[in-house]
Full PDB file with SEQRES, HELIX, SHEET, SSBOND, CRYST1, ORIGX, SCALE, CONECT and MASTER records, all heavy atoms in Angstrom:
SEQRES   1 A   41  ALA GLU ARG GLN ARG GLY LYS VAL SER PRO SER SER TYR          
SEQRES   2 A   41  LYS ASP ILE VAL LEU GLY LEU LEU PHE LEU LYS PHE ILE          
SEQRES   3 A   41  SER HIS GLY TYR GLU GLN ARG ARG GLN GLU ILE GLU LYS          
SEQRES   4 A   41  GLU THR                                                      
HELIX    1 AA1 GLU A    2  GLN A    4  5                                   3    
HELIX    2 AA2 PRO A   10  GLU A   40  1                                  31    
CRYST1    1.000    1.000    1.000  90.00  90.00  90.00 P 1           1          
ORIGX1      1.000000  0.000000  0.000000        0.00000                         
ORIGX2      0.000000  1.000000  0.000000        0.00000                         
ORIGX3      0.000000  0.000000  1.000000        0.00000                         
SCALE1      1.000000  0.000000  0.000000        0.00000                         
SCALE2      0.000000  1.000000  0.000000        0.00000                         
SCALE3      0.000000  0.000000  1.000000        0.00000                         
ATOM      1  N   ALA A   1      -8.829  -3.945  -8.938  1.00  0.00           N  
ATOM      2  CA  ALA A   1      -9.499  -2.905  -8.293  1.00  0.00           C  
ATOM      3  C   ALA A   1     -10.948  -2.662  -8.969  1.00  0.00           C  
ATOM      4  O   ALA A   1     -11.886  -2.492  -8.248  1.00  0.00           O  
ATOM      5  CB  ALA A   1      -8.733  -1.591  -8.347  1.00  0.00           C  
ATOM      6  N   GLU A   2     -10.987  -2.642 -10.230  1.00  0.00           N  
ATOM      7  CA  GLU A   2     -12.183  -2.530 -11.005  1.00  0.00           C  
ATOM      8  C   GLU A   2     -13.206  -3.586 -10.668  1.00  0.00           C  
ATOM      9  O   GLU A   2     -14.490  -3.217 -10.529  1.00  0.00           O  
ATOM     10  CB  GLU A   2     -11.950  -2.485 -12.431  1.00  0.00           C  
ATOM     11  CG  GLU A   2     -11.576  -1.085 -13.008  1.00  0.00           C  
ATOM     12  CD  GLU A   2     -12.600  -0.098 -12.874  1.00  0.00           C  
ATOM     13  OE1 GLU A   2     -13.624  -0.098 -13.619  1.00  0.00           O  
ATOM     14  OE2 GLU A   2     -12.526   0.761 -11.944  1.00  0.00           O  
ATOM     15  N   ARG A   3     -12.750  -4.810 -10.460  1.00  0.00           N  
ATOM     16  CA  ARG A   3     -13.709  -5.937 -10.115  1.00  0.00           C  
ATOM     17  C   ARG A   3     -14.346  -5.666  -8.785  1.00  0.00           C  
ATOM     18  O   ARG A   3     -15.455  -6.148  -8.502  1.00  0.00           O  
ATOM     19  CB  ARG A   3     -12.958  -7.241 -10.044  1.00  0.00           C  
ATOM     20  CG  ARG A   3     -12.682  -7.812 -11.446  1.00  0.00           C  
ATOM     21  CD  ARG A   3     -12.201  -9.247 -11.341  1.00  0.00           C  
ATOM     22  NE  ARG A   3     -11.021  -9.416 -10.503  1.00  0.00           N  
ATOM     23  CZ  ARG A   3      -9.801  -9.324 -10.931  1.00  0.00           C  
ATOM     24  NH1 ARG A   3      -9.539  -8.961 -12.169  1.00  0.00           N  
ATOM     25  NH2 ARG A   3      -8.742  -9.475 -10.121  1.00  0.00           N  
ATOM     26  N   GLN A   4     -13.675  -4.944  -7.955  1.00  0.00           N  
ATOM     27  CA  GLN A   4     -14.180  -4.784  -6.570  1.00  0.00           C  
ATOM     28  C   GLN A   4     -14.978  -3.420  -6.394  1.00  0.00           C  
ATOM     29  O   GLN A   4     -15.615  -3.205  -5.373  1.00  0.00           O  
ATOM     30  CB  GLN A   4     -12.999  -4.748  -5.583  1.00  0.00           C  
ATOM     31  CG  GLN A   4     -12.119  -5.930  -5.665  1.00  0.00           C  
ATOM     32  CD  GLN A   4     -12.874  -7.239  -5.584  1.00  0.00           C  
ATOM     33  OE1 GLN A   4     -13.795  -7.379  -4.828  1.00  0.00           O  
ATOM     34  NE2 GLN A   4     -12.491  -8.169  -6.369  1.00  0.00           N  
ATOM     35  N   ARG A   5     -14.915  -2.650  -7.361  1.00  0.00           N  
ATOM     36  CA  ARG A   5     -15.442  -1.174  -7.156  1.00  0.00           C  
ATOM     37  C   ARG A   5     -16.867  -1.126  -6.815  1.00  0.00           C  
ATOM     38  O   ARG A   5     -17.215  -0.412  -5.848  1.00  0.00           O  
ATOM     39  CB  ARG A   5     -15.194  -0.378  -8.452  1.00  0.00           C  
ATOM     40  CG  ARG A   5     -15.615   1.073  -8.327  1.00  0.00           C  
ATOM     41  CD  ARG A   5     -15.036   2.009  -9.376  1.00  0.00           C  
ATOM     42  NE  ARG A   5     -15.170   1.435 -10.681  1.00  0.00           N  
ATOM     43  CZ  ARG A   5     -16.221   1.719 -11.536  1.00  0.00           C  
ATOM     44  NH1 ARG A   5     -17.149   2.414 -11.168  1.00  0.00           N  
ATOM     45  NH2 ARG A   5     -16.247   1.226 -12.710  1.00  0.00           N  
ATOM     46  N   GLY A   6     -17.766  -1.869  -7.362  1.00  0.00           N  
ATOM     47  CA  GLY A   6     -19.113  -1.755  -7.105  1.00  0.00           C  
ATOM     48  C   GLY A   6     -19.840  -0.476  -7.246  1.00  0.00           C  
ATOM     49  O   GLY A   6     -19.711   0.149  -8.334  1.00  0.00           O  
ATOM     50  N   LYS A   7     -20.527  -0.025  -6.241  1.00  0.00           N  
ATOM     51  CA  LYS A   7     -21.364   1.265  -6.387  1.00  0.00           C  
ATOM     52  C   LYS A   7     -20.581   2.475  -6.117  1.00  0.00           C  
ATOM     53  O   LYS A   7     -21.164   3.612  -6.179  1.00  0.00           O  
ATOM     54  CB  LYS A   7     -22.564   1.084  -5.435  1.00  0.00           C  
ATOM     55  CG  LYS A   7     -23.468   0.029  -5.774  1.00  0.00           C  
ATOM     56  CD  LYS A   7     -24.547  -0.121  -4.831  1.00  0.00           C  
ATOM     57  CE  LYS A   7     -25.465  -1.241  -5.093  1.00  0.00           C  
ATOM     58  NZ  LYS A   7     -26.488  -1.490  -4.119  1.00  0.00           N  
ATOM     59  N   VAL A   8     -19.350   2.479  -5.719  1.00  0.00           N  
ATOM     60  CA  VAL A   8     -18.592   3.698  -5.377  1.00  0.00           C  
ATOM     61  C   VAL A   8     -18.065   4.319  -6.679  1.00  0.00           C  
ATOM     62  O   VAL A   8     -17.572   3.689  -7.508  1.00  0.00           O  
ATOM     63  CB  VAL A   8     -17.461   3.288  -4.363  1.00  0.00           C  
ATOM     64  CG1 VAL A   8     -16.660   4.542  -4.000  1.00  0.00           C  
ATOM     65  CG2 VAL A   8     -18.034   2.581  -3.219  1.00  0.00           C  
ATOM     66  N   SER A   9     -18.182   5.669  -6.667  1.00  0.00           N  
ATOM     67  CA  SER A   9     -17.693   6.428  -7.781  1.00  0.00           C  
ATOM     68  C   SER A   9     -16.160   6.279  -7.883  1.00  0.00           C  
ATOM     69  O   SER A   9     -15.463   6.210  -6.904  1.00  0.00           O  
ATOM     70  CB  SER A   9     -18.135   7.890  -7.721  1.00  0.00           C  
ATOM     71  OG  SER A   9     -17.265   8.515  -6.728  1.00  0.00           O  
ATOM     72  N   PRO A  10     -15.613   6.274  -9.251  1.00  0.00           N  
ATOM     73  CA  PRO A  10     -14.225   6.196  -9.370  1.00  0.00           C  
ATOM     74  C   PRO A  10     -13.412   7.295  -8.572  1.00  0.00           C  
ATOM     75  O   PRO A  10     -12.333   7.009  -8.015  1.00  0.00           O  
ATOM     76  CB  PRO A  10     -13.933   6.442 -10.845  1.00  0.00           C  
ATOM     77  CG  PRO A  10     -15.304   5.921 -11.461  1.00  0.00           C  
ATOM     78  CD  PRO A  10     -16.324   6.346 -10.435  1.00  0.00           C  
ATOM     79  N   SER A  11     -13.930   8.505  -8.527  1.00  0.00           N  
ATOM     80  CA  SER A  11     -13.212   9.554  -7.758  1.00  0.00           C  
ATOM     81  C   SER A  11     -13.205   9.287  -6.293  1.00  0.00           C  
ATOM     82  O   SER A  11     -12.258   9.678  -5.599  1.00  0.00           O  
ATOM     83  CB  SER A  11     -13.832  10.914  -7.998  1.00  0.00           C  
ATOM     84  OG  SER A  11     -15.212  10.936  -7.612  1.00  0.00           O  
ATOM     85  N   SER A  12     -14.086   8.477  -5.746  1.00  0.00           N  
ATOM     86  CA  SER A  12     -14.054   8.116  -4.220  1.00  0.00           C  
ATOM     87  C   SER A  12     -13.239   6.898  -4.095  1.00  0.00           C  
ATOM     88  O   SER A  12     -12.405   6.792  -3.201  1.00  0.00           O  
ATOM     89  CB  SER A  12     -15.504   7.964  -3.762  1.00  0.00           C  
ATOM     90  OG  SER A  12     -16.232   9.151  -3.841  1.00  0.00           O  
ATOM     91  N   TYR A  13     -13.432   5.960  -5.052  1.00  0.00           N  
ATOM     92  CA  TYR A  13     -12.857   4.668  -4.950  1.00  0.00           C  
ATOM     93  C   TYR A  13     -11.357   4.749  -5.081  1.00  0.00           C  
ATOM     94  O   TYR A  13     -10.644   4.005  -4.500  1.00  0.00           O  
ATOM     95  CB  TYR A  13     -13.487   3.738  -5.976  1.00  0.00           C  
ATOM     96  CG  TYR A  13     -13.083   2.311  -5.769  1.00  0.00           C  
ATOM     97  CD1 TYR A  13     -13.488   1.628  -4.682  1.00  0.00           C  
ATOM     98  CD2 TYR A  13     -12.203   1.630  -6.721  1.00  0.00           C  
ATOM     99  CE1 TYR A  13     -13.126   0.378  -4.556  1.00  0.00           C  
ATOM    100  CE2 TYR A  13     -11.782   0.390  -6.540  1.00  0.00           C  
ATOM    101  CZ  TYR A  13     -12.294  -0.361  -5.467  1.00  0.00           C  
ATOM    102  OH  TYR A  13     -11.867  -1.642  -5.243  1.00  0.00           O  
ATOM    103  N   LYS A  14     -10.798   5.691  -5.806  1.00  0.00           N  
ATOM    104  CA  LYS A  14      -9.378   5.853  -6.058  1.00  0.00           C  
ATOM    105  C   LYS A  14      -8.705   5.953  -4.727  1.00  0.00           C  
ATOM    106  O   LYS A  14      -7.575   5.477  -4.534  1.00  0.00           O  
ATOM    107  CB  LYS A  14      -9.101   6.968  -6.937  1.00  0.00           C  
ATOM    108  CG  LYS A  14      -9.209   8.395  -6.398  1.00  0.00           C  
ATOM    109  CD  LYS A  14      -8.796   9.475  -7.293  1.00  0.00           C  
ATOM    110  CE  LYS A  14      -9.059  10.819  -6.745  1.00  0.00           C  
ATOM    111  NZ  LYS A  14      -8.853  11.161  -5.440  1.00  0.00           N  
ATOM    112  N   ASP A  15      -9.300   6.745  -3.727  1.00  0.00           N  
ATOM    113  CA  ASP A  15      -8.622   6.933  -2.478  1.00  0.00           C  
ATOM    114  C   ASP A  15      -8.481   5.542  -1.702  1.00  0.00           C  
ATOM    115  O   ASP A  15      -7.509   5.377  -1.018  1.00  0.00           O  
ATOM    116  CB  ASP A  15      -9.461   7.859  -1.569  1.00  0.00           C  
ATOM    117  CG  ASP A  15      -9.415   9.306  -2.136  1.00  0.00           C  
ATOM    118  OD1 ASP A  15      -8.405   9.679  -2.800  1.00  0.00           O  
ATOM    119  OD2 ASP A  15     -10.383  10.016  -1.937  1.00  0.00           O  
ATOM    120  N   ILE A  16      -9.469   4.665  -1.851  1.00  0.00           N  
ATOM    121  CA  ILE A  16      -9.443   3.446  -1.224  1.00  0.00           C  
ATOM    122  C   ILE A  16      -8.338   2.531  -1.815  1.00  0.00           C  
ATOM    123  O   ILE A  16      -7.502   2.045  -1.128  1.00  0.00           O  
ATOM    124  CB  ILE A  16     -10.842   2.642  -1.341  1.00  0.00           C  
ATOM    125  CG1 ILE A  16     -11.899   3.494  -0.483  1.00  0.00           C  
ATOM    126  CG2 ILE A  16     -10.718   1.302  -0.944  1.00  0.00           C  
ATOM    127  CD1 ILE A  16     -13.288   3.167  -0.849  1.00  0.00           C  
ATOM    128  N   VAL A  17      -8.294   2.419  -3.145  1.00  0.00           N  
ATOM    129  CA  VAL A  17      -7.341   1.554  -3.748  1.00  0.00           C  
ATOM    130  C   VAL A  17      -5.918   2.162  -3.534  1.00  0.00           C  
ATOM    131  O   VAL A  17      -5.014   1.451  -3.236  1.00  0.00           O  
ATOM    132  CB  VAL A  17      -7.640   1.490  -5.328  1.00  0.00           C  
ATOM    133  CG1 VAL A  17      -6.473   0.883  -6.070  1.00  0.00           C  
ATOM    134  CG2 VAL A  17      -8.959   0.754  -5.528  1.00  0.00           C  
ATOM    135  N   LEU A  18      -5.703   3.467  -3.771  1.00  0.00           N  
ATOM    136  CA  LEU A  18      -4.366   4.056  -3.627  1.00  0.00           C  
ATOM    137  C   LEU A  18      -3.964   4.074  -2.250  1.00  0.00           C  
ATOM    138  O   LEU A  18      -2.748   3.877  -1.938  1.00  0.00           O  
ATOM    139  CB  LEU A  18      -4.403   5.443  -4.283  1.00  0.00           C  
ATOM    140  CG  LEU A  18      -4.628   5.507  -5.790  1.00  0.00           C  
ATOM    141  CD1 LEU A  18      -4.742   6.905  -6.310  1.00  0.00           C  
ATOM    142  CD2 LEU A  18      -3.505   4.651  -6.575  1.00  0.00           C  
ATOM    143  N   GLY A  19      -4.858   4.187  -1.260  1.00  0.00           N  
ATOM    144  CA  GLY A  19      -4.533   4.152   0.122  1.00  0.00           C  
ATOM    145  C   GLY A  19      -3.948   2.770   0.508  1.00  0.00           C  
ATOM    146  O   GLY A  19      -2.913   2.613   1.132  1.00  0.00           O  
ATOM    147  N   LEU A  20      -4.565   1.688   0.044  1.00  0.00           N  
ATOM    148  CA  LEU A  20      -4.089   0.299   0.262  1.00  0.00           C  
ATOM    149  C   LEU A  20      -2.784   0.125  -0.426  1.00  0.00           C  
ATOM    150  O   LEU A  20      -1.820  -0.534   0.206  1.00  0.00           O  
ATOM    151  CB  LEU A  20      -5.130  -0.707  -0.275  1.00  0.00           C  
ATOM    152  CG  LEU A  20      -6.378  -0.881   0.644  1.00  0.00           C  
ATOM    153  CD1 LEU A  20      -7.335  -1.805  -0.064  1.00  0.00           C  
ATOM    154  CD2 LEU A  20      -5.964  -1.379   2.079  1.00  0.00           C  
ATOM    155  N   LEU A  21      -2.689   0.570  -1.625  1.00  0.00           N  
ATOM    156  CA  LEU A  21      -1.369   0.395  -2.384  1.00  0.00           C  
ATOM    157  C   LEU A  21      -0.249   1.133  -1.697  1.00  0.00           C  
ATOM    158  O   LEU A  21       0.887   0.592  -1.592  1.00  0.00           O  
ATOM    159  CB  LEU A  21      -1.525   0.900  -3.785  1.00  0.00           C  
ATOM    160  CG  LEU A  21      -2.099  -0.082  -4.832  1.00  0.00           C  
ATOM    161  CD1 LEU A  21      -2.262   0.479  -6.195  1.00  0.00           C  
ATOM    162  CD2 LEU A  21      -1.274  -1.339  -4.915  1.00  0.00           C  
ATOM    163  N   PHE A  22      -0.501   2.347  -1.169  1.00  0.00           N  
ATOM    164  CA  PHE A  22       0.536   3.053  -0.490  1.00  0.00           C  
ATOM    165  C   PHE A  22       0.976   2.375   0.768  1.00  0.00           C  
ATOM    166  O   PHE A  22       2.176   2.255   0.943  1.00  0.00           O  
ATOM    167  CB  PHE A  22      -0.083   4.510  -0.157  1.00  0.00           C  
ATOM    168  CG  PHE A  22       1.018   5.324   0.558  1.00  0.00           C  
ATOM    169  CD1 PHE A  22       2.031   5.863  -0.265  1.00  0.00           C  
ATOM    170  CD2 PHE A  22       1.009   5.636   1.851  1.00  0.00           C  
ATOM    171  CE1 PHE A  22       2.954   6.698   0.263  1.00  0.00           C  
ATOM    172  CE2 PHE A  22       1.972   6.426   2.492  1.00  0.00           C  
ATOM    173  CZ  PHE A  22       2.900   7.002   1.650  1.00  0.00           C  
ATOM    174  N   LEU A  23       0.052   1.814   1.444  1.00  0.00           N  
ATOM    175  CA  LEU A  23       0.403   0.975   2.754  1.00  0.00           C  
ATOM    176  C   LEU A  23       1.230  -0.233   2.341  1.00  0.00           C  
ATOM    177  O   LEU A  23       2.231  -0.467   3.053  1.00  0.00           O  
ATOM    178  CB  LEU A  23      -0.827   0.641   3.475  1.00  0.00           C  
ATOM    179  CG  LEU A  23      -0.558  -0.157   4.750  1.00  0.00           C  
ATOM    180  CD1 LEU A  23       0.296   0.626   5.742  1.00  0.00           C  
ATOM    181  CD2 LEU A  23      -1.880  -0.667   5.403  1.00  0.00           C  
ATOM    182  N   LYS A  24       0.877  -0.793   1.276  1.00  0.00           N  
ATOM    183  CA  LYS A  24       1.722  -1.970   0.759  1.00  0.00           C  
ATOM    184  C   LYS A  24       3.130  -1.583   0.417  1.00  0.00           C  
ATOM    185  O   LYS A  24       4.037  -2.293   0.858  1.00  0.00           O  
ATOM    186  CB  LYS A  24       1.061  -2.616  -0.435  1.00  0.00           C  
ATOM    187  CG  LYS A  24       1.783  -3.629  -1.210  1.00  0.00           C  
ATOM    188  CD  LYS A  24       1.911  -4.935  -0.615  1.00  0.00           C  
ATOM    189  CE  LYS A  24       2.585  -5.903  -1.505  1.00  0.00           C  
ATOM    190  NZ  LYS A  24       2.976  -7.099  -0.939  1.00  0.00           N  
ATOM    191  N   PHE A  25       3.212  -0.472  -0.225  1.00  0.00           N  
ATOM    192  CA  PHE A  25       4.558  -0.039  -0.669  1.00  0.00           C  
ATOM    193  C   PHE A  25       5.452   0.470   0.411  1.00  0.00           C  
ATOM    194  O   PHE A  25       6.650   0.262   0.479  1.00  0.00           O  
ATOM    195  CB  PHE A  25       4.498   0.945  -1.878  1.00  0.00           C  
ATOM    196  CG  PHE A  25       4.244   0.232  -3.189  1.00  0.00           C  
ATOM    197  CD1 PHE A  25       2.950  -0.133  -3.554  1.00  0.00           C  
ATOM    198  CD2 PHE A  25       5.241  -0.113  -3.970  1.00  0.00           C  
ATOM    199  CE1 PHE A  25       2.714  -0.753  -4.783  1.00  0.00           C  
ATOM    200  CE2 PHE A  25       4.977  -0.841  -5.186  1.00  0.00           C  
ATOM    201  CZ  PHE A  25       3.718  -1.196  -5.501  1.00  0.00           C  
ATOM    202  N   ILE A  26       4.843   1.363   1.305  1.00  0.00           N  
ATOM    203  CA  ILE A  26       5.655   1.862   2.405  1.00  0.00           C  
ATOM    204  C   ILE A  26       6.042   0.700   3.427  1.00  0.00           C  
ATOM    205  O   ILE A  26       7.180   0.733   4.027  1.00  0.00           O  
ATOM    206  CB  ILE A  26       5.036   3.049   3.102  1.00  0.00           C  
ATOM    207  CG1 ILE A  26       3.761   2.629   3.878  1.00  0.00           C  
ATOM    208  CG2 ILE A  26       4.888   4.196   2.182  1.00  0.00           C  
ATOM    209  CD1 ILE A  26       3.236   3.828   4.765  1.00  0.00           C  
ATOM    210  N   SER A  27       5.176  -0.339   3.486  1.00  0.00           N  
ATOM    211  CA  SER A  27       5.512  -1.554   4.315  1.00  0.00           C  
ATOM    212  C   SER A  27       6.726  -2.187   3.726  1.00  0.00           C  
ATOM    213  O   SER A  27       7.552  -2.718   4.534  1.00  0.00           O  
ATOM    214  CB  SER A  27       4.372  -2.452   4.474  1.00  0.00           C  
ATOM    215  OG  SER A  27       3.301  -1.690   5.215  1.00  0.00           O  
ATOM    216  N   HIS A  28       6.781  -2.342   2.430  1.00  0.00           N  
ATOM    217  CA  HIS A  28       7.880  -2.983   1.826  1.00  0.00           C  
ATOM    218  C   HIS A  28       9.119  -2.293   2.074  1.00  0.00           C  
ATOM    219  O   HIS A  28      10.237  -2.911   2.410  1.00  0.00           O  
ATOM    220  CB  HIS A  28       7.613  -3.081   0.234  1.00  0.00           C  
ATOM    221  CG  HIS A  28       8.731  -3.646  -0.460  1.00  0.00           C  
ATOM    222  ND1 HIS A  28       9.175  -4.994  -0.426  1.00  0.00           N  
ATOM    223  CD2 HIS A  28       9.701  -3.109  -1.250  1.00  0.00           C  
ATOM    224  CE1 HIS A  28      10.200  -5.213  -1.173  1.00  0.00           C  
ATOM    225  NE2 HIS A  28      10.596  -4.038  -1.693  1.00  0.00           N  
ATOM    226  N   GLY A  29       9.141  -0.921   1.936  1.00  0.00           N  
ATOM    227  CA  GLY A  29      10.386  -0.175   2.213  1.00  0.00           C  
ATOM    228  C   GLY A  29      10.770  -0.265   3.626  1.00  0.00           C  
ATOM    229  O   GLY A  29      11.930  -0.341   4.009  1.00  0.00           O  
ATOM    230  N   TYR A  30       9.818  -0.305   4.506  1.00  0.00           N  
ATOM    231  CA  TYR A  30      10.106  -0.402   5.939  1.00  0.00           C  
ATOM    232  C   TYR A  30      10.761  -1.750   6.233  1.00  0.00           C  
ATOM    233  O   TYR A  30      11.694  -1.850   6.950  1.00  0.00           O  
ATOM    234  CB  TYR A  30       8.745  -0.326   6.849  1.00  0.00           C  
ATOM    235  CG  TYR A  30       8.926  -0.688   8.214  1.00  0.00           C  
ATOM    236  CD1 TYR A  30       9.488   0.342   9.147  1.00  0.00           C  
ATOM    237  CD2 TYR A  30       8.853  -1.995   8.730  1.00  0.00           C  
ATOM    238  CE1 TYR A  30       9.652   0.055  10.469  1.00  0.00           C  
ATOM    239  CE2 TYR A  30       9.040  -2.186  10.038  1.00  0.00           C  
ATOM    240  CZ  TYR A  30       9.451  -1.243  10.964  1.00  0.00           C  
ATOM    241  OH  TYR A  30       9.727  -1.576  12.272  1.00  0.00           O  
ATOM    242  N   GLU A  31      10.165  -2.902   5.722  1.00  0.00           N  
ATOM    243  CA  GLU A  31      10.740  -4.161   5.957  1.00  0.00           C  
ATOM    244  C   GLU A  31      12.203  -4.261   5.350  1.00  0.00           C  
ATOM    245  O   GLU A  31      13.031  -4.908   5.935  1.00  0.00           O  
ATOM    246  CB  GLU A  31       9.895  -5.237   5.374  1.00  0.00           C  
ATOM    247  CG  GLU A  31       8.503  -5.399   6.034  1.00  0.00           C  
ATOM    248  CD  GLU A  31       8.619  -5.800   7.490  1.00  0.00           C  
ATOM    249  OE1 GLU A  31       9.620  -6.377   7.985  1.00  0.00           O  
ATOM    250  OE2 GLU A  31       7.677  -5.367   8.222  1.00  0.00           O  
ATOM    251  N   GLN A  32      12.452  -3.648   4.211  1.00  0.00           N  
ATOM    252  CA  GLN A  32      13.797  -3.756   3.610  1.00  0.00           C  
ATOM    253  C   GLN A  32      14.837  -2.995   4.561  1.00  0.00           C  
ATOM    254  O   GLN A  32      15.841  -3.532   4.794  1.00  0.00           O  
ATOM    255  CB  GLN A  32      13.848  -3.026   2.294  1.00  0.00           C  
ATOM    256  CG  GLN A  32      13.279  -3.896   1.179  1.00  0.00           C  
ATOM    257  CD  GLN A  32      13.561  -3.182  -0.187  1.00  0.00           C  
ATOM    258  OE1 GLN A  32      13.240  -2.000  -0.337  1.00  0.00           O  
ATOM    259  NE2 GLN A  32      14.018  -3.971  -1.152  1.00  0.00           N  
ATOM    260  N   ARG A  33      14.417  -1.861   5.073  1.00  0.00           N  
ATOM    261  CA  ARG A  33      15.338  -1.078   5.964  1.00  0.00           C  
ATOM    262  C   ARG A  33      15.522  -1.819   7.260  1.00  0.00           C  
ATOM    263  O   ARG A  33      16.584  -1.856   7.795  1.00  0.00           O  
ATOM    264  CB  ARG A  33      14.675   0.312   6.188  1.00  0.00           C  
ATOM    265  CG  ARG A  33      15.497   1.157   7.130  1.00  0.00           C  
ATOM    266  CD  ARG A  33      16.915   1.409   6.625  1.00  0.00           C  
ATOM    267  NE  ARG A  33      17.693   2.098   7.682  1.00  0.00           N  
ATOM    268  CZ  ARG A  33      19.020   1.709   8.037  1.00  0.00           C  
ATOM    269  NH1 ARG A  33      19.632   0.948   7.290  1.00  0.00           N  
ATOM    270  NH2 ARG A  33      19.519   2.394   9.028  1.00  0.00           N  
ATOM    271  N   ARG A  34      14.392  -2.405   7.783  1.00  0.00           N  
ATOM    272  CA  ARG A  34      14.494  -3.227   8.966  1.00  0.00           C  
ATOM    273  C   ARG A  34      15.574  -4.350   8.858  1.00  0.00           C  
ATOM    274  O   ARG A  34      16.324  -4.614   9.744  1.00  0.00           O  
ATOM    275  CB  ARG A  34      13.144  -3.848   9.388  1.00  0.00           C  
ATOM    276  CG  ARG A  34      13.158  -4.476  10.756  1.00  0.00           C  
ATOM    277  CD  ARG A  34      11.709  -4.886  11.149  1.00  0.00           C  
ATOM    278  NE  ARG A  34      11.695  -5.585  12.432  1.00  0.00           N  
ATOM    279  CZ  ARG A  34      11.691  -4.933  13.673  1.00  0.00           C  
ATOM    280  NH1 ARG A  34      11.669  -3.664  13.719  1.00  0.00           N  
ATOM    281  NH2 ARG A  34      11.701  -5.752  14.725  1.00  0.00           N  
ATOM    282  N   GLN A  35      15.509  -4.995   7.702  1.00  0.00           N  
ATOM    283  CA  GLN A  35      16.519  -6.094   7.473  1.00  0.00           C  
ATOM    284  C   GLN A  35      17.956  -5.555   7.441  1.00  0.00           C  
ATOM    285  O   GLN A  35      18.839  -6.167   7.977  1.00  0.00           O  
ATOM    286  CB  GLN A  35      16.213  -6.798   6.145  1.00  0.00           C  
ATOM    287  CG  GLN A  35      14.947  -7.695   6.231  1.00  0.00           C  
ATOM    288  CD  GLN A  35      14.545  -8.216   4.906  1.00  0.00           C  
ATOM    289  OE1 GLN A  35      15.292  -8.131   3.896  1.00  0.00           O  
ATOM    290  NE2 GLN A  35      13.380  -8.894   4.829  1.00  0.00           N  
ATOM    291  N   GLU A  36      18.045  -4.383   6.900  1.00  0.00           N  
ATOM    292  CA  GLU A  36      19.412  -3.784   6.906  1.00  0.00           C  
ATOM    293  C   GLU A  36      19.896  -3.459   8.322  1.00  0.00           C  
ATOM    294  O   GLU A  36      20.992  -3.681   8.678  1.00  0.00           O  
ATOM    295  CB  GLU A  36      19.307  -2.473   6.113  1.00  0.00           C  
ATOM    296  CG  GLU A  36      19.213  -2.562   4.607  1.00  0.00           C  
ATOM    297  CD  GLU A  36      18.971  -1.290   3.953  1.00  0.00           C  
ATOM    298  OE1 GLU A  36      18.967  -0.101   4.578  1.00  0.00           O  
ATOM    299  OE2 GLU A  36      18.743  -1.256   2.679  1.00  0.00           O  
ATOM    300  N   ILE A  37      18.975  -2.964   9.243  1.00  0.00           N  
ATOM    301  CA  ILE A  37      19.392  -2.615  10.491  1.00  0.00           C  
ATOM    302  C   ILE A  37      19.634  -3.901  11.259  1.00  0.00           C  
ATOM    303  O   ILE A  37      20.613  -3.919  12.049  1.00  0.00           O  
ATOM    304  CB  ILE A  37      18.183  -1.868  11.218  1.00  0.00           C  
ATOM    305  CG1 ILE A  37      17.947  -0.504  10.521  1.00  0.00           C  
ATOM    306  CG2 ILE A  37      18.523  -1.651  12.710  1.00  0.00           C  
ATOM    307  CD1 ILE A  37      16.695   0.239  10.927  1.00  0.00           C  
ATOM    308  N   GLU A  38      18.910  -4.930  11.043  1.00  0.00           N  
ATOM    309  CA  GLU A  38      19.104  -6.236  11.633  1.00  0.00           C  
ATOM    310  C   GLU A  38      20.631  -6.757  11.296  1.00  0.00           C  
ATOM    311  O   GLU A  38      21.261  -7.176  12.214  1.00  0.00           O  
ATOM    312  CB  GLU A  38      18.145  -7.343  11.230  1.00  0.00           C  
ATOM    313  CG  GLU A  38      16.795  -7.131  11.880  1.00  0.00           C  
ATOM    314  CD  GLU A  38      15.729  -8.066  11.378  1.00  0.00           C  
ATOM    315  OE1 GLU A  38      15.925  -8.714  10.321  1.00  0.00           O  
ATOM    316  OE2 GLU A  38      14.632  -8.117  11.971  1.00  0.00           O  
ATOM    317  N   LYS A  39      21.011  -6.595  10.073  1.00  0.00           N  
ATOM    318  CA  LYS A  39      22.436  -6.907   9.668  1.00  0.00           C  
ATOM    319  C   LYS A  39      23.447  -6.047  10.328  1.00  0.00           C  
ATOM    320  O   LYS A  39      24.440  -6.543  10.788  1.00  0.00           O  
ATOM    321  CB  LYS A  39      22.509  -6.897   8.129  1.00  0.00           C  
ATOM    322  CG  LYS A  39      21.788  -7.983   7.363  1.00  0.00           C  
ATOM    323  CD  LYS A  39      22.057  -7.891   5.920  1.00  0.00           C  
ATOM    324  CE  LYS A  39      21.199  -8.853   5.119  1.00  0.00           C  
ATOM    325  NZ  LYS A  39      21.160  -8.605   3.734  1.00  0.00           N  
ATOM    326  N   GLU A  40      23.155  -4.839  10.362  1.00  0.00           N  
ATOM    327  CA  GLU A  40      24.016  -3.763  10.930  1.00  0.00           C  
ATOM    328  C   GLU A  40      24.225  -4.034  12.492  1.00  0.00           C  
ATOM    329  O   GLU A  40      25.295  -3.670  13.031  1.00  0.00           O  
ATOM    330  CB  GLU A  40      23.557  -2.370  10.745  1.00  0.00           C  
ATOM    331  CG  GLU A  40      23.508  -1.961   9.219  1.00  0.00           C  
ATOM    332  CD  GLU A  40      22.786  -0.581   9.028  1.00  0.00           C  
ATOM    333  OE1 GLU A  40      22.287  -0.022  10.010  1.00  0.00           O  
ATOM    334  OE2 GLU A  40      22.620  -0.292   7.847  1.00  0.00           O  
ATOM    335  N   THR A  41      23.234  -4.543  13.178  1.00  0.00           N  
ATOM    336  CA  THR A  41      23.256  -4.676  14.572  1.00  0.00           C  
ATOM    337  C   THR A  41      23.377  -6.164  15.029  1.00  0.00           C  
ATOM    338  O   THR A  41      23.052  -6.403  16.223  1.00  0.00           O  
ATOM    339  CB  THR A  41      22.013  -4.094  15.178  1.00  0.00           C  
ATOM    340  OG1 THR A  41      20.859  -4.797  14.702  1.00  0.00           O  
ATOM    341  CG2 THR A  41      21.830  -2.545  14.850  1.00  0.00           C  
TER     342      THR A  41                                                      
MASTER        0    0    0    2    0    0    0    6  341    1    0    4          
END                                                                             
């Protein structure tokens, strides 16, 4: 994240980085649950 930051202040940039990380993590949870539903059905 730091390598990519550039001219954006850390207080603004944190939203960008944490937003992407959040999407990554909730997608992982979604995919795990989807696999469970696939097995159940």
